[in-house]
């Protein structure tokens, strides 16, 4: 179930939708994942770290509800010291406080995602992206995908639905 101001309800995300934020280090594939989920090119995808400085969003349908997917600037502790990057970092941290779910990405070529201070009250789905490049050792708490090829996107959507407690929702049934 879904809790809003202490009231347990599953219907709220169906009516109002949910906000899901894509977060993670630079070049973890956040923009590519946004484009894959949206089914169109909403964000610029580049090998250059720091291409996304402002957030970009897309509205999609996930199971029974409307979802706003938000691509953010890559979380980078080093960027906090530089003016334009510091502003992008703060915007990312602010939007993380105002979402219903966080998708925390890491690259399959990296051993682990750096730990970031994420809001404790917001559920996190951990995703290993770019699995078309290498085959990482699986961990049961992670979703493995390739935003580039689309492999694993269905598993991600199912995990989001479970994480938000919506797996048993049937909007057409009372």
N, C-alpha and C. Protein backbone atom coordinates (compact mmCIF):
# COMPACT_ATOMS: atom_id res chain seq x y z
N UNK A 1 0.83 -1.19 0.00
CA UNK A 1 0.00 0.00 0.00
C UNK A 1 0.87 1.24 0.00
N UNK A 2 0.27 2.35 -0.21
CA UNK A 2 0.95 3.62 -0.38
C UNK A 2 0.49 4.55 0.72
N UNK A 3 1.39 5.22 1.38
CA UNK A 3 1.02 6.07 2.51
C UNK A 3 1.20 7.54 2.17
N UNK A 4 0.16 8.30 2.37
CA UNK A 4 0.22 9.75 2.20
C UNK A 4 -0.33 10.37 3.47
N UNK A 5 0.47 11.14 4.14
CA UNK A 5 0.13 11.78 5.42
C UNK A 5 -0.55 10.80 6.37
N UNK A 6 0.00 9.59 6.45
CA UNK A 6 -0.49 8.62 7.41
C UNK A 6 -1.70 7.81 6.96
N UNK A 7 -2.31 8.14 5.83
CA UNK A 7 -3.48 7.41 5.34
C UNK A 7 -3.00 6.36 4.35
N UNK A 8 -3.29 5.10 4.61
CA UNK A 8 -2.88 4.03 3.71
C UNK A 8 -3.87 3.94 2.56
N UNK A 9 -3.37 4.04 1.34
CA UNK A 9 -4.23 3.94 0.17
C UNK A 9 -3.42 3.48 -1.02
N UNK A 10 -4.01 2.69 -1.87
CA UNK A 10 -3.35 2.28 -3.10
C UNK A 10 -3.86 3.10 -4.28
N UNK A 11 -4.97 3.78 -4.11
CA UNK A 11 -5.61 4.48 -5.22
C UNK A 11 -4.90 5.78 -5.60
N UNK A 12 -4.23 6.42 -4.67
CA UNK A 12 -3.64 7.73 -4.94
C UNK A 12 -2.69 7.74 -6.14
N UNK A 13 -1.77 6.80 -6.26
CA UNK A 13 -0.89 6.82 -7.44
C UNK A 13 -1.65 6.65 -8.76
N UNK A 14 -2.78 5.95 -8.73
CA UNK A 14 -3.57 5.78 -9.95
C UNK A 14 -4.15 7.12 -10.39
N UNK A 15 -4.64 7.90 -9.45
CA UNK A 15 -5.27 9.17 -9.78
C UNK A 15 -4.26 10.28 -10.04
N UNK A 16 -3.24 10.37 -9.24
CA UNK A 16 -2.31 11.49 -9.31
C UNK A 16 -0.98 11.14 -9.97
N UNK A 17 -0.70 9.88 -10.11
CA UNK A 17 0.57 9.46 -10.67
C UNK A 17 1.67 9.46 -9.63
N UNK A 18 2.84 9.01 -10.05
CA UNK A 18 4.00 8.95 -9.17
C UNK A 18 5.16 9.65 -9.86
N UNK A 19 6.08 10.11 -9.04
CA UNK A 19 7.32 10.72 -9.55
C UNK A 19 8.46 9.78 -9.21
N UNK A 20 9.19 9.37 -10.24
CA UNK A 20 10.31 8.45 -10.09
C UNK A 20 11.56 9.18 -10.59
N UNK A 21 12.56 9.26 -9.74
CA UNK A 21 13.78 9.98 -10.08
C UNK A 21 14.90 8.99 -10.40
N UNK A 22 15.56 9.24 -11.53
CA UNK A 22 16.74 8.47 -11.91
C UNK A 22 17.95 9.17 -11.32
N UNK A 23 18.69 8.47 -10.48
CA UNK A 23 19.85 9.05 -9.81
C UNK A 23 21.03 8.09 -9.93
N UNK A 24 22.22 8.65 -9.77
CA UNK A 24 23.43 7.84 -9.83
C UNK A 24 24.58 8.68 -10.29
N UNK A 25 25.75 8.09 -10.37
CA UNK A 25 26.93 8.84 -10.79
C UNK A 25 26.85 9.24 -12.26
N UNK A 26 27.69 10.20 -12.67
CA UNK A 26 27.72 10.59 -14.09
C UNK A 26 28.02 9.37 -14.97
N UNK A 27 27.39 9.36 -16.12
CA UNK A 27 27.59 8.31 -17.14
C UNK A 27 27.12 6.93 -16.71
N UNK A 28 26.19 6.85 -15.79
CA UNK A 28 25.65 5.54 -15.40
C UNK A 28 24.49 5.12 -16.30
N UNK A 29 24.07 6.01 -17.21
CA UNK A 29 23.03 5.65 -18.16
C UNK A 29 21.65 6.17 -17.81
N UNK A 30 21.57 7.20 -16.99
CA UNK A 30 20.27 7.75 -16.58
C UNK A 30 19.50 8.30 -17.77
N UNK A 31 20.16 9.06 -18.63
CA UNK A 31 19.48 9.65 -19.80
C UNK A 31 19.06 8.56 -20.78
N UNK A 32 19.91 7.58 -20.99
CA UNK A 32 19.55 6.47 -21.88
C UNK A 32 18.35 5.70 -21.33
N UNK A 33 18.29 5.53 -20.02
CA UNK A 33 17.16 4.83 -19.41
C UNK A 33 15.88 5.66 -19.55
N UNK A 34 15.97 6.97 -19.35
CA UNK A 34 14.79 7.82 -19.55
C UNK A 34 14.27 7.65 -20.97
N UNK A 35 15.16 7.71 -21.96
CA UNK A 35 14.75 7.56 -23.35
C UNK A 35 14.13 6.19 -23.61
N UNK A 36 14.71 5.14 -23.03
CA UNK A 36 14.18 3.79 -23.21
C UNK A 36 12.78 3.67 -22.61
N UNK A 37 12.58 4.23 -21.42
CA UNK A 37 11.27 4.17 -20.78
C UNK A 37 10.24 5.01 -21.52
N UNK A 38 10.67 6.17 -22.04
CA UNK A 38 9.76 7.07 -22.74
C UNK A 38 9.45 6.59 -24.16
N UNK A 39 10.33 5.77 -24.71
CA UNK A 39 10.13 5.31 -26.08
C UNK A 39 10.48 6.37 -27.12
N UNK A 40 11.17 7.42 -26.69
CA UNK A 40 11.60 8.48 -27.60
C UNK A 40 12.79 9.19 -27.00
N UNK A 41 13.43 10.03 -27.81
CA UNK A 41 14.62 10.73 -27.35
C UNK A 41 14.23 12.00 -26.60
N UNK A 42 14.11 11.90 -25.30
CA UNK A 42 13.77 13.03 -24.44
C UNK A 42 15.02 13.72 -23.90
N UNK A 43 16.07 12.93 -23.68
CA UNK A 43 17.31 13.45 -23.09
C UNK A 43 18.47 13.19 -24.03
N UNK A 44 19.46 14.05 -23.95
CA UNK A 44 20.68 13.87 -24.74
C UNK A 44 21.53 12.80 -24.07
N UNK A 45 21.96 11.83 -24.85
CA UNK A 45 22.83 10.77 -24.35
C UNK A 45 24.22 11.03 -24.89
N UNK A 46 25.20 11.08 -23.98
CA UNK A 46 26.58 11.38 -24.36
C UNK A 46 27.55 10.65 -23.46
N UNK A 47 28.73 10.36 -24.00
CA UNK A 47 29.79 9.76 -23.18
C UNK A 47 30.46 10.80 -22.30
N UNK A 48 30.17 12.08 -22.53
CA UNK A 48 30.77 13.16 -21.76
C UNK A 48 30.05 13.31 -20.42
N UNK A 49 30.77 13.16 -19.34
CA UNK A 49 30.18 13.30 -18.01
C UNK A 49 29.67 14.72 -17.82
N UNK A 50 28.54 14.88 -17.18
CA UNK A 50 28.01 16.20 -16.89
C UNK A 50 27.15 16.79 -17.99
N UNK A 51 26.76 15.98 -18.99
CA UNK A 51 25.91 16.49 -20.07
C UNK A 51 24.56 16.94 -19.51
N UNK A 52 23.97 16.16 -18.62
CA UNK A 52 22.71 16.54 -18.00
C UNK A 52 23.02 17.39 -16.77
N UNK A 53 22.62 18.66 -16.83
CA UNK A 53 22.82 19.56 -15.69
C UNK A 53 21.48 19.95 -15.07
N UNK A 54 20.48 20.05 -15.90
CA UNK A 54 19.13 20.36 -15.45
C UNK A 54 18.34 19.05 -15.56
N UNK A 55 17.24 18.94 -14.86
CA UNK A 55 16.49 17.69 -14.96
C UNK A 55 15.62 17.70 -16.21
N UNK A 56 15.37 16.50 -16.73
CA UNK A 56 14.55 16.27 -17.91
C UNK A 56 13.53 15.22 -17.50
N UNK A 57 12.29 15.35 -17.96
CA UNK A 57 11.29 14.37 -17.55
C UNK A 57 10.49 13.82 -18.73
N UNK A 58 9.80 12.75 -18.47
CA UNK A 58 8.88 12.13 -19.42
C UNK A 58 7.74 11.51 -18.61
N UNK A 59 6.56 11.55 -19.18
CA UNK A 59 5.39 10.92 -18.56
C UNK A 59 5.14 9.60 -19.28
N UNK A 60 5.07 8.53 -18.51
CA UNK A 60 4.81 7.21 -19.07
C UNK A 60 3.75 6.50 -18.22
N UNK A 61 3.33 5.34 -18.67
CA UNK A 61 2.41 4.52 -17.88
C UNK A 61 3.19 3.30 -17.40
N UNK A 62 3.10 3.06 -16.11
CA UNK A 62 3.71 1.87 -15.52
C UNK A 62 2.59 1.12 -14.81
N UNK A 63 2.25 -0.03 -15.34
CA UNK A 63 1.16 -0.79 -14.73
C UNK A 63 -0.09 0.06 -14.66
N UNK A 64 -0.68 0.18 -13.47
CA UNK A 64 -1.95 0.89 -13.36
C UNK A 64 -1.83 2.40 -13.19
N UNK A 65 -0.64 2.96 -13.19
CA UNK A 65 -0.55 4.38 -12.92
C UNK A 65 0.35 5.15 -13.88
N UNK A 66 0.11 6.45 -13.88
CA UNK A 66 0.90 7.40 -14.66
C UNK A 66 2.16 7.69 -13.85
N UNK A 67 3.30 7.74 -14.53
CA UNK A 67 4.55 8.01 -13.84
C UNK A 67 5.32 9.10 -14.55
N UNK A 68 5.80 10.04 -13.76
CA UNK A 68 6.74 11.03 -14.27
C UNK A 68 8.13 10.50 -13.95
N UNK A 69 8.91 10.26 -14.99
CA UNK A 69 10.29 9.79 -14.82
C UNK A 69 11.19 11.01 -14.98
N UNK A 70 12.06 11.23 -14.01
CA UNK A 70 12.91 12.43 -14.02
C UNK A 70 14.38 12.01 -14.10
N UNK A 71 15.05 12.49 -15.14
CA UNK A 71 16.49 12.29 -15.32
C UNK A 71 17.19 13.46 -14.66
N UNK A 72 18.20 13.19 -13.87
CA UNK A 72 18.89 14.23 -13.12
C UNK A 72 20.38 14.27 -13.45
N UNK A 73 21.03 15.32 -13.00
CA UNK A 73 22.49 15.42 -13.13
C UNK A 73 23.11 14.30 -12.30
N UNK A 74 24.21 13.75 -12.79
CA UNK A 74 24.91 12.69 -12.07
C UNK A 74 25.41 13.17 -10.72
N UNK A 75 25.19 12.35 -9.71
CA UNK A 75 25.67 12.68 -8.37
C UNK A 75 27.18 12.49 -8.32
N UNK A 76 27.87 13.55 -7.97
CA UNK A 76 29.33 13.53 -7.98
C UNK A 76 29.84 14.40 -6.84
N UNK A 77 30.40 13.79 -5.79
CA UNK A 77 30.89 14.58 -4.65
C UNK A 77 31.92 15.64 -5.06
N UNK A 78 32.70 15.39 -6.13
CA UNK A 78 33.70 16.35 -6.58
C UNK A 78 33.05 17.59 -7.19
N UNK A 79 31.87 17.46 -7.78
CA UNK A 79 31.23 18.56 -8.50
C UNK A 79 30.68 19.63 -7.56
N UNK A 80 30.54 19.33 -6.30
CA UNK A 80 29.97 20.28 -5.34
C UNK A 80 30.83 21.54 -5.22
N UNK A 81 32.10 21.43 -5.55
CA UNK A 81 33.03 22.56 -5.38
C UNK A 81 33.00 23.55 -6.55
N UNK A 82 32.41 23.18 -7.68
CA UNK A 82 32.43 24.04 -8.86
C UNK A 82 31.04 24.62 -9.08
N UNK A 83 30.96 25.94 -9.30
CA UNK A 83 29.70 26.67 -9.32
C UNK A 83 28.59 26.06 -10.19
N UNK A 84 28.77 25.87 -11.52
CA UNK A 84 27.64 25.34 -12.28
C UNK A 84 27.30 23.92 -11.88
N UNK A 85 28.32 23.13 -11.56
CA UNK A 85 28.08 21.75 -11.14
C UNK A 85 27.41 21.70 -9.77
N UNK A 86 27.80 22.60 -8.89
CA UNK A 86 27.21 22.64 -7.55
C UNK A 86 25.71 22.90 -7.63
N UNK A 87 25.30 23.78 -8.53
CA UNK A 87 23.87 24.08 -8.70
C UNK A 87 23.13 22.84 -9.21
N UNK A 88 23.72 22.13 -10.17
CA UNK A 88 23.10 20.92 -10.69
C UNK A 88 22.99 19.86 -9.61
N UNK A 89 24.03 19.74 -8.78
CA UNK A 89 24.02 18.77 -7.68
C UNK A 89 22.91 19.10 -6.68
N UNK A 90 22.75 20.38 -6.37
CA UNK A 90 21.71 20.78 -5.42
C UNK A 90 20.32 20.53 -5.99
N UNK A 91 20.14 20.79 -7.29
CA UNK A 91 18.84 20.52 -7.92
C UNK A 91 18.51 19.03 -7.84
N UNK A 92 19.51 18.19 -8.08
CA UNK A 92 19.29 16.75 -7.98
C UNK A 92 18.91 16.37 -6.56
N UNK A 93 19.62 16.87 -5.58
CA UNK A 93 19.31 16.54 -4.18
C UNK A 93 17.92 17.04 -3.78
N UNK A 94 17.52 18.21 -4.30
CA UNK A 94 16.19 18.74 -3.99
C UNK A 94 15.09 17.86 -4.59
N UNK A 95 15.26 17.45 -5.83
CA UNK A 95 14.22 16.64 -6.48
C UNK A 95 14.13 15.25 -5.86
N UNK A 96 15.24 14.75 -5.33
CA UNK A 96 15.21 13.46 -4.64
C UNK A 96 14.33 13.51 -3.39
N UNK A 97 14.18 14.67 -2.81
CA UNK A 97 13.34 14.83 -1.62
C UNK A 97 11.86 14.83 -1.97
N UNK A 98 11.52 15.02 -3.25
CA UNK A 98 10.13 15.22 -3.66
C UNK A 98 9.64 14.14 -4.61
N UNK A 99 10.07 12.91 -4.40
CA UNK A 99 9.65 11.85 -5.31
C UNK A 99 9.04 10.69 -4.54
N UNK A 100 8.48 9.76 -5.29
CA UNK A 100 7.85 8.58 -4.70
C UNK A 100 8.75 7.36 -4.73
N UNK A 101 9.76 7.39 -5.63
CA UNK A 101 10.66 6.26 -5.78
C UNK A 101 11.94 6.76 -6.44
N UNK A 102 13.06 6.19 -6.05
CA UNK A 102 14.36 6.53 -6.64
C UNK A 102 14.89 5.29 -7.35
N UNK A 103 15.29 5.46 -8.60
CA UNK A 103 16.01 4.41 -9.30
C UNK A 103 17.47 4.81 -9.25
N UNK A 104 18.25 4.06 -8.49
CA UNK A 104 19.67 4.35 -8.31
C UNK A 104 20.46 3.47 -9.27
N UNK A 105 21.07 4.12 -10.26
CA UNK A 105 21.81 3.39 -11.28
C UNK A 105 23.29 3.32 -10.99
N UNK A 106 23.88 2.25 -11.45
CA UNK A 106 25.33 2.11 -11.49
C UNK A 106 25.66 1.43 -12.81
N UNK A 107 26.87 1.64 -13.29
CA UNK A 107 27.34 1.00 -14.51
C UNK A 107 27.78 -0.41 -14.21
N UNK A 108 27.48 -1.33 -15.13
CA UNK A 108 27.91 -2.72 -14.96
C UNK A 108 29.43 -2.84 -14.93
N UNK A 109 30.12 -1.87 -15.55
CA UNK A 109 31.58 -1.92 -15.57
C UNK A 109 32.20 -1.42 -14.27
N UNK A 110 31.40 -0.85 -13.39
CA UNK A 110 31.88 -0.37 -12.09
C UNK A 110 31.56 -1.41 -11.03
N UNK A 111 32.45 -1.57 -10.07
CA UNK A 111 32.24 -2.59 -9.04
C UNK A 111 31.06 -2.26 -8.12
N UNK A 112 30.86 -0.99 -7.83
CA UNK A 112 29.75 -0.59 -6.97
C UNK A 112 29.47 0.89 -7.16
N UNK A 113 28.25 1.26 -6.89
CA UNK A 113 27.89 2.67 -6.97
C UNK A 113 28.35 3.36 -5.69
N UNK A 114 28.93 4.54 -5.80
CA UNK A 114 29.29 5.25 -4.57
C UNK A 114 28.04 5.48 -3.73
N UNK A 115 28.20 5.47 -2.43
CA UNK A 115 27.06 5.70 -1.54
C UNK A 115 26.74 7.19 -1.50
N UNK A 116 25.49 7.50 -1.74
CA UNK A 116 25.01 8.87 -1.69
C UNK A 116 24.01 8.99 -0.56
N UNK A 117 23.91 10.16 -0.01
CA UNK A 117 22.92 10.40 1.04
C UNK A 117 21.55 10.55 0.37
N UNK A 118 20.77 9.49 0.42
CA UNK A 118 19.43 9.50 -0.17
C UNK A 118 18.40 9.62 0.94
N UNK A 119 17.25 10.20 0.64
CA UNK A 119 16.20 10.28 1.66
C UNK A 119 15.80 8.88 2.14
N UNK A 120 15.79 8.68 3.43
CA UNK A 120 15.49 7.36 3.99
C UNK A 120 14.05 6.93 3.81
N UNK A 121 13.15 7.88 3.68
CA UNK A 121 11.72 7.55 3.60
C UNK A 121 11.26 7.19 2.19
N UNK A 122 12.12 7.31 1.21
CA UNK A 122 11.73 7.06 -0.18
C UNK A 122 12.34 5.73 -0.64
N UNK A 123 11.49 4.83 -1.20
CA UNK A 123 12.02 3.54 -1.64
C UNK A 123 13.01 3.69 -2.79
N UNK A 124 14.01 2.80 -2.79
CA UNK A 124 15.07 2.83 -3.81
C UNK A 124 15.08 1.50 -4.56
N UNK A 125 15.10 1.59 -5.88
CA UNK A 125 15.30 0.43 -6.74
C UNK A 125 16.72 0.53 -7.27
N UNK A 126 17.54 -0.46 -6.96
CA UNK A 126 18.95 -0.44 -7.40
C UNK A 126 19.06 -1.14 -8.76
N UNK A 127 19.65 -0.42 -9.70
CA UNK A 127 19.74 -0.89 -11.08
C UNK A 127 21.19 -0.91 -11.54
N UNK A 128 21.59 -2.00 -12.16
CA UNK A 128 22.89 -2.10 -12.80
C UNK A 128 22.62 -2.00 -14.31
N UNK A 129 23.14 -0.94 -14.92
CA UNK A 129 22.90 -0.65 -16.32
C UNK A 129 24.13 -1.00 -17.15
N UNK A 130 23.95 -1.02 -18.43
CA UNK A 130 25.01 -1.30 -19.42
C UNK A 130 25.46 -2.75 -19.34
N UNK A 131 24.51 -3.64 -19.07
CA UNK A 131 24.81 -5.07 -19.00
C UNK A 131 25.07 -5.66 -20.39
N UNK A 132 24.94 -4.85 -21.43
CA UNK A 132 25.31 -5.30 -22.77
C UNK A 132 26.84 -5.25 -22.93
N UNK A 133 27.53 -4.53 -22.04
CA UNK A 133 28.99 -4.40 -22.12
C UNK A 133 29.72 -5.49 -21.35
N UNK A 134 29.22 -5.83 -20.18
CA UNK A 134 29.81 -6.88 -19.35
C UNK A 134 28.70 -7.63 -18.63
N UNK A 135 29.00 -8.82 -18.17
CA UNK A 135 28.04 -9.61 -17.39
C UNK A 135 28.46 -9.56 -15.93
N UNK A 136 27.85 -8.66 -15.13
CA UNK A 136 28.26 -8.56 -13.73
C UNK A 136 27.75 -9.75 -12.90
N UNK A 137 28.39 -9.93 -11.76
CA UNK A 137 27.95 -10.97 -10.82
C UNK A 137 26.61 -10.51 -10.24
N UNK A 138 25.54 -11.31 -10.42
CA UNK A 138 24.22 -10.88 -9.98
C UNK A 138 24.08 -10.79 -8.46
N UNK A 139 23.33 -9.79 -8.05
CA UNK A 139 22.93 -9.63 -6.65
C UNK A 139 21.40 -9.61 -6.64
N UNK A 140 20.76 -10.36 -5.77
CA UNK A 140 19.30 -10.46 -5.80
C UNK A 140 18.58 -9.13 -5.57
N UNK A 141 19.22 -8.17 -4.94
CA UNK A 141 18.55 -6.90 -4.64
C UNK A 141 18.65 -5.89 -5.79
N UNK A 142 19.24 -6.29 -6.91
CA UNK A 142 19.44 -5.37 -8.03
C UNK A 142 18.67 -5.84 -9.27
N UNK A 143 18.34 -4.88 -10.13
CA UNK A 143 17.76 -5.16 -11.44
C UNK A 143 18.88 -4.94 -12.45
N UNK A 144 19.05 -5.87 -13.37
CA UNK A 144 20.12 -5.79 -14.37
C UNK A 144 19.49 -5.51 -15.72
N UNK A 145 20.03 -4.50 -16.42
CA UNK A 145 19.45 -4.14 -17.70
C UNK A 145 20.45 -3.46 -18.60
N UNK A 146 20.01 -3.26 -19.83
CA UNK A 146 20.74 -2.44 -20.79
C UNK A 146 19.73 -1.46 -21.35
N UNK A 147 19.86 -0.21 -20.96
CA UNK A 147 18.95 0.82 -21.50
C UNK A 147 19.15 0.94 -23.01
N UNK A 148 20.35 0.68 -23.47
CA UNK A 148 20.68 0.79 -24.90
C UNK A 148 19.92 -0.24 -25.73
N UNK A 149 19.87 -1.50 -25.26
CA UNK A 149 19.22 -2.57 -26.02
C UNK A 149 17.78 -2.81 -25.57
N UNK A 150 17.42 -2.35 -24.39
CA UNK A 150 16.08 -2.58 -23.86
C UNK A 150 15.96 -3.84 -23.02
N UNK A 151 17.01 -4.64 -22.97
CA UNK A 151 16.98 -5.87 -22.18
C UNK A 151 16.87 -5.53 -20.69
N UNK A 152 15.89 -6.13 -20.02
CA UNK A 152 15.72 -5.92 -18.59
C UNK A 152 14.75 -4.81 -18.22
N UNK A 153 14.25 -4.06 -19.20
CA UNK A 153 13.32 -2.97 -18.89
C UNK A 153 12.03 -3.51 -18.26
N UNK A 154 11.50 -4.62 -18.78
CA UNK A 154 10.27 -5.20 -18.20
C UNK A 154 10.48 -5.59 -16.75
N UNK A 155 11.64 -6.16 -16.44
CA UNK A 155 11.94 -6.53 -15.05
C UNK A 155 12.00 -5.28 -14.17
N UNK A 156 12.54 -4.19 -14.70
CA UNK A 156 12.58 -2.93 -13.95
C UNK A 156 11.17 -2.44 -13.67
N UNK A 157 10.31 -2.44 -14.68
CA UNK A 157 8.93 -1.96 -14.49
C UNK A 157 8.20 -2.82 -13.45
N UNK A 158 8.39 -4.12 -13.50
CA UNK A 158 7.77 -5.00 -12.50
C UNK A 158 8.30 -4.70 -11.10
N UNK A 159 9.58 -4.43 -10.99
CA UNK A 159 10.17 -4.11 -9.69
C UNK A 159 9.63 -2.78 -9.17
N UNK A 160 9.46 -1.81 -10.03
CA UNK A 160 8.89 -0.52 -9.61
C UNK A 160 7.48 -0.73 -9.07
N UNK A 161 6.68 -1.50 -9.78
CA UNK A 161 5.30 -1.76 -9.35
C UNK A 161 5.29 -2.43 -7.98
N UNK A 162 6.15 -3.43 -7.79
CA UNK A 162 6.24 -4.10 -6.47
C UNK A 162 6.73 -3.14 -5.40
N UNK A 163 7.74 -2.34 -5.71
CA UNK A 163 8.31 -1.40 -4.74
C UNK A 163 7.26 -0.40 -4.28
N UNK A 164 6.39 0.03 -5.19
CA UNK A 164 5.34 0.98 -4.84
C UNK A 164 4.10 0.29 -4.28
N UNK A 165 4.14 -1.04 -4.14
CA UNK A 165 3.03 -1.78 -3.55
C UNK A 165 1.81 -1.84 -4.43
N UNK A 166 2.00 -1.80 -5.75
CA UNK A 166 0.88 -1.73 -6.67
C UNK A 166 0.67 -3.02 -7.46
N UNK A 167 1.35 -4.10 -7.09
CA UNK A 167 1.26 -5.33 -7.88
C UNK A 167 -0.13 -5.94 -7.89
N UNK A 168 -0.95 -5.67 -6.88
CA UNK A 168 -2.29 -6.24 -6.83
C UNK A 168 -3.38 -5.25 -7.22
N UNK A 169 -3.00 -4.07 -7.67
CA UNK A 169 -4.00 -3.08 -8.07
C UNK A 169 -4.69 -3.49 -9.36
N UNK A 170 -5.98 -3.36 -9.38
CA UNK A 170 -6.78 -3.62 -10.57
C UNK A 170 -7.70 -2.41 -10.73
N UNK A 171 -7.28 -1.39 -11.49
CA UNK A 171 -8.04 -0.14 -11.59
C UNK A 171 -9.48 -0.31 -12.06
N UNK A 172 -9.75 -1.33 -12.85
CA UNK A 172 -11.11 -1.54 -13.37
C UNK A 172 -12.01 -2.27 -12.39
N UNK A 173 -11.47 -2.74 -11.28
CA UNK A 173 -12.27 -3.48 -10.32
C UNK A 173 -12.47 -2.63 -9.05
N UNK A 174 -13.67 -2.70 -8.49
CA UNK A 174 -13.91 -1.92 -7.25
C UNK A 174 -13.13 -2.47 -6.07
